[in-house]
Amino acid sequence: MAFTEDLSPWLSMKFDREWIEENVRWKDFGNGVRLGRLAKQDSTSLVLYDVESEVEVEAFMPHMHPGGEVYLVIEGEVYDDEGVYPCGSIVWMDAGTTHNPKTRGKTLILVLWPDGVKVA
């Protein structure tokens, strides 16, 4: 079960894409999805996902987060079986939750994984 909150009414979503491109080391999966690892401490990771607007394949396969997941939609839109999360949404997923998110439009997502990711 996901807890979501739309922060867009009071949160100004401004970011500097040029700075991001210059300072984030990206892993390009070759399917329109890039992952930028921002920080890692023990089993916890903070990452950026950058997804092209016209990805032909499912950007994210079904997966589970042993320690849960929290993400902020910075640009674009994320959706899954639980709902639709537009720009400004923060999503909290309980430990052990399995999901298969998809995106609409050019999407940038800031993600916190307390205990990583496992394929479902």
C-alpha atoms as a PDB file:
ATOM      1  CA  MET A   1       0.000   0.000   0.000  1.00  0.00           C
ATOM      2  CA  ALA A   2       1.355   3.397  -0.974  1.00  0.00           C
ATOM      3  CA  PHE A   3       0.852   6.638   0.928  1.00  0.00           C
ATOM      4  CA  THR A   4       0.902   9.661  -1.371  1.00  0.00           C
ATOM      5  CA  GLU A   5       0.738  13.396  -0.915  1.00  0.00           C
ATOM      6  CA  ASP A   6       0.588  16.056  -3.618  1.00  0.00           C
ATOM      7  CA  LEU A   7       3.068  18.732  -2.566  1.00  0.00           C
ATOM      8  CA  SER A   8       2.717  20.791  -5.754  1.00  0.00           C
ATOM      9  CA  PRO A   9       0.304  23.430  -4.331  1.00  0.00           C
ATOM     10  CA  TRP A  10       2.961  24.712  -1.904  1.00  0.00           C
ATOM     11  CA  LEU A  11       6.230  23.326  -3.258  1.00  0.00           C
ATOM     12  CA  SER A  12       7.913  25.155  -6.123  1.00  0.00           C
ATOM     13  CA  MET A  13       9.529  22.494  -8.276  1.00  0.00           C
ATOM     14  CA  LYS A  14      12.524  24.365  -9.661  1.00  0.00           C
ATOM     15  CA  PHE A  15      15.714  22.508 -10.488  1.00  0.00           C
ATOM     16  CA  ASP A  16      18.757  23.146 -12.591  1.00  0.00           C
ATOM     17  CA  ARG A  17      18.947  20.405 -15.234  1.00  0.00           C
ATOM     18  CA  GLU A  18      22.275  21.758 -16.510  1.00  0.00           C
ATOM     19  CA  TRP A  19      23.798  21.378 -13.026  1.00  0.00           C
ATOM     20  CA  ILE A  20      22.346  17.869 -12.776  1.00  0.00           C
ATOM     21  CA  GLU A  21      23.855  16.871 -16.131  1.00  0.00           C
ATOM     22  CA  GLU A  22      27.271  18.239 -15.136  1.00  0.00           C
ATOM     23  CA  ASN A  23      27.362  16.739 -11.633  1.00  0.00           C
ATOM     24  CA  VAL A  24      25.516  13.421 -11.687  1.00  0.00           C
ATOM     25  CA  ARG A  25      27.224  10.281 -12.991  1.00  0.00           C
ATOM     26  CA  TRP A  26      24.550   8.458 -14.954  1.00  0.00           C
ATOM     27  CA  LYS A  27      24.174   4.765 -15.695  1.00  0.00           C
ATOM     28  CA  ASP A  28      22.304   4.609 -19.012  1.00  0.00           C
ATOM     29  CA  PHE A  29      20.256   1.422 -19.422  1.00  0.00           C
ATOM     30  CA  GLY A  30      19.885   2.029 -23.182  1.00  0.00           C
ATOM     31  CA  ASN A  31      16.088   1.997 -23.084  1.00  0.00           C
ATOM     32  CA  GLY A  32      15.393   5.643 -22.251  1.00  0.00           C
ATOM     33  CA  VAL A  33      16.075   5.193 -18.534  1.00  0.00           C
ATOM     34  CA  ARG A  34      19.115   6.564 -16.667  1.00  0.00           C
ATOM     35  CA  LEU A  35      20.010   6.115 -12.999  1.00  0.00           C
ATOM     36  CA  GLY A  36      22.200   8.567 -11.101  1.00  0.00           C
ATOM     37  CA  ARG A  37      23.412   7.406  -7.698  1.00  0.00           C
ATOM     38  CA  LEU A  38      23.645  10.488  -5.455  1.00  0.00           C
ATOM     39  CA  ALA A  39      24.592   8.894  -2.135  1.00  0.00           C
ATOM     40  CA  LYS A  40      24.957   5.499  -0.498  1.00  0.00           C
ATOM     41  CA  GLN A  41      25.430   4.686   3.164  1.00  0.00           C
ATOM     42  CA  ASP A  42      25.395   1.037   4.207  1.00  0.00           C
ATOM     43  CA  SER A  43      22.301  -0.445   2.510  1.00  0.00           C
ATOM     44  CA  THR A  44      20.565   2.915   1.919  1.00  0.00           C
ATOM     45  CA  SER A  45      20.746   4.652  -1.473  1.00  0.00           C
ATOM     46  CA  LEU A  46      19.571   8.035  -2.737  1.00  0.00           C
ATOM     47  CA  VAL A  47      19.196   8.031  -6.528  1.00  0.00           C
ATOM     48  CA  LEU A  48      17.770  10.008  -9.419  1.00  0.00           C
ATOM     49  CA  TYR A  49      15.868   8.334 -12.245  1.00  0.00           C
ATOM     50  CA  ASP A  50      15.707  10.247 -15.526  1.00  0.00           C
ATOM     51  CA  VAL A  51      13.218   8.754 -17.995  1.00  0.00           C
ATOM     52  CA  GLU A  52      12.654   9.861 -21.590  1.00  0.00           C
ATOM     53  CA  SER A  53       9.126  10.815 -22.588  1.00  0.00           C
ATOM     54  CA  GLU A  54       8.646   8.134 -25.244  1.00  0.00           C
ATOM     55  CA  VAL A  55      10.101   4.976 -23.700  1.00  0.00           C
ATOM     56  CA  GLU A  56       8.946   2.003 -25.807  1.00  0.00           C
ATOM     57  CA  VAL A  57       9.566  -0.665 -23.155  1.00  0.00           C
ATOM     58  CA  GLU A  58       8.319  -0.749 -19.585  1.00  0.00           C
ATOM     59  CA  ALA A  59      10.817   1.484 -17.828  1.00  0.00           C
ATOM     60  CA  PHE A  60      10.723  -0.443 -14.566  1.00  0.00           C
ATOM     61  CA  MET A  61      10.074  -4.167 -14.200  1.00  0.00           C
ATOM     62  CA  PRO A  62       8.029  -5.373 -11.202  1.00  0.00           C
ATOM     63  CA  HIS A  63      10.240  -5.063  -8.134  1.00  0.00           C
ATOM     64  CA  MET A  64      10.196  -4.997  -4.339  1.00  0.00           C
ATOM     65  CA  HIS A  65      11.939  -2.822  -1.779  1.00  0.00           C
ATOM     66  CA  PRO A  66      12.807  -4.785   1.386  1.00  0.00           C
ATOM     67  CA  GLY A  67      13.083  -1.581   3.450  1.00  0.00           C
ATOM     68  CA  GLY A  68      10.378   0.364   1.620  1.00  0.00           C
ATOM     69  CA  GLU A  69      10.787   3.278  -0.765  1.00  0.00           C
ATOM     70  CA  VAL A  70      10.131   7.012  -0.773  1.00  0.00           C
ATOM     71  CA  TYR A  71      10.175   9.070  -3.950  1.00  0.00           C
ATOM     72  CA  LEU A  72       9.485  12.622  -5.072  1.00  0.00           C
ATOM     73  CA  VAL A  73       8.296  13.241  -8.633  1.00  0.00           C
ATOM     74  CA  ILE A  74      10.333  16.284  -9.723  1.00  0.00           C
ATOM     75  CA  GLU A  75       9.232  16.335 -13.361  1.00  0.00           C
ATOM     76  CA  GLY A  76       6.666  14.348 -15.351  1.00  0.00           C
ATOM     77  CA  GLU A  77       4.280  11.763 -13.914  1.00  0.00           C
ATOM     78  CA  VAL A  78       4.552   8.282 -12.385  1.00  0.00           C
ATOM     79  CA  TYR A  79       1.693   5.787 -12.205  1.00  0.00           C
ATOM     80  CA  ASP A  80       1.129   2.221 -11.029  1.00  0.00           C
ATOM     81  CA  ASP A  81      -1.732  -0.037  -9.886  1.00  0.00           C
ATOM     82  CA  GLU A  82      -2.202   2.132  -6.772  1.00  0.00           C
ATOM     83  CA  GLY A  83      -2.597   5.511  -8.497  1.00  0.00           C
ATOM     84  CA  VAL A  84      -1.192   8.414 -10.488  1.00  0.00           C
ATOM     85  CA  TYR A  85       1.548  10.643  -9.051  1.00  0.00           C
ATOM     86  CA  PRO A  86       2.051  13.944 -10.907  1.00  0.00           C
ATOM     87  CA  CYS A  87       4.942  16.366 -10.520  1.00  0.00           C
ATOM     88  CA  GLY A  88       5.195  17.396  -6.867  1.00  0.00           C
ATOM     89  CA  SER A  89       3.913  14.082  -5.486  1.00  0.00           C
ATOM     90  CA  ILE A  90       5.732  12.307  -2.703  1.00  0.00           C
ATOM     91  CA  VAL A  91       5.099   8.564  -2.460  1.00  0.00           C
ATOM     92  CA  TRP A  92       5.873   6.403   0.584  1.00  0.00           C
ATOM     93  CA  MET A  93       5.812   2.616   0.144  1.00  0.00           C
ATOM     94  CA  ASP A  94       5.945   0.222   3.091  1.00  0.00           C
ATOM     95  CA  ALA A  95       8.754  -2.314   3.482  1.00  0.00           C
ATOM     96  CA  GLY A  96       8.211  -5.340   1.268  1.00  0.00           C
ATOM     97  CA  THR A  97       5.835  -3.546  -1.113  1.00  0.00           C
ATOM     98  CA  THR A  98       5.974  -4.771  -4.720  1.00  0.00           C
ATOM     99  CA  HIS A  99       5.131  -2.435  -7.595  1.00  0.00           C
ATOM    100  CA  ASN A 100       5.643  -1.848 -11.308  1.00  0.00           C
ATOM    101  CA  PRO A 101       5.743   1.926 -11.884  1.00  0.00           C
ATOM    102  CA  LYS A 102       5.507   3.538 -15.308  1.00  0.00           C
ATOM    103  CA  THR A 103       6.020   7.135 -16.407  1.00  0.00           C
ATOM    104  CA  ARG A 104       4.369   9.720 -18.656  1.00  0.00           C
ATOM    105  CA  GLY A 105       6.302  12.572 -20.203  1.00  0.00           C
ATOM    106  CA  LYS A 106       9.957  13.354 -19.527  1.00  0.00           C
ATOM    107  CA  THR A 107      10.236  12.278 -15.908  1.00  0.00           C
ATOM    108  CA  LEU A 108      12.756  12.953 -13.139  1.00  0.00           C
ATOM    109  CA  ILE A 109      12.318  11.145  -9.823  1.00  0.00           C
ATOM    110  CA  LEU A 110      14.318  11.458  -6.575  1.00  0.00           C
ATOM    111  CA  VAL A 111      14.248   8.064  -4.826  1.00  0.00           C
ATOM    112  CA  LEU A 112      15.328   6.881  -1.357  1.00  0.00           C
ATOM    113  CA  TRP A 113      15.808   3.120  -0.911  1.00  0.00           C
ATOM    114  CA  PRO A 114      16.482   2.165   2.724  1.00  0.00           C
ATOM    115  CA  ASP A 115      17.444  -1.433   1.803  1.00  0.00           C
ATOM    116  CA  GLY A 116      17.778  -1.468  -1.976  1.00  0.00           C
ATOM    117  CA  VAL A 117      15.730  -3.185  -4.673  1.00  0.00           C
ATOM    118  CA  LYS A 118      14.926  -6.817  -5.482  1.00  0.00           C
ATOM    119  CA  VAL A 119      13.289  -8.104  -8.664  1.00  0.00           C
ATOM    120  CA  ALA A 120       9.806  -9.405  -7.818  1.00  0.00           C
END
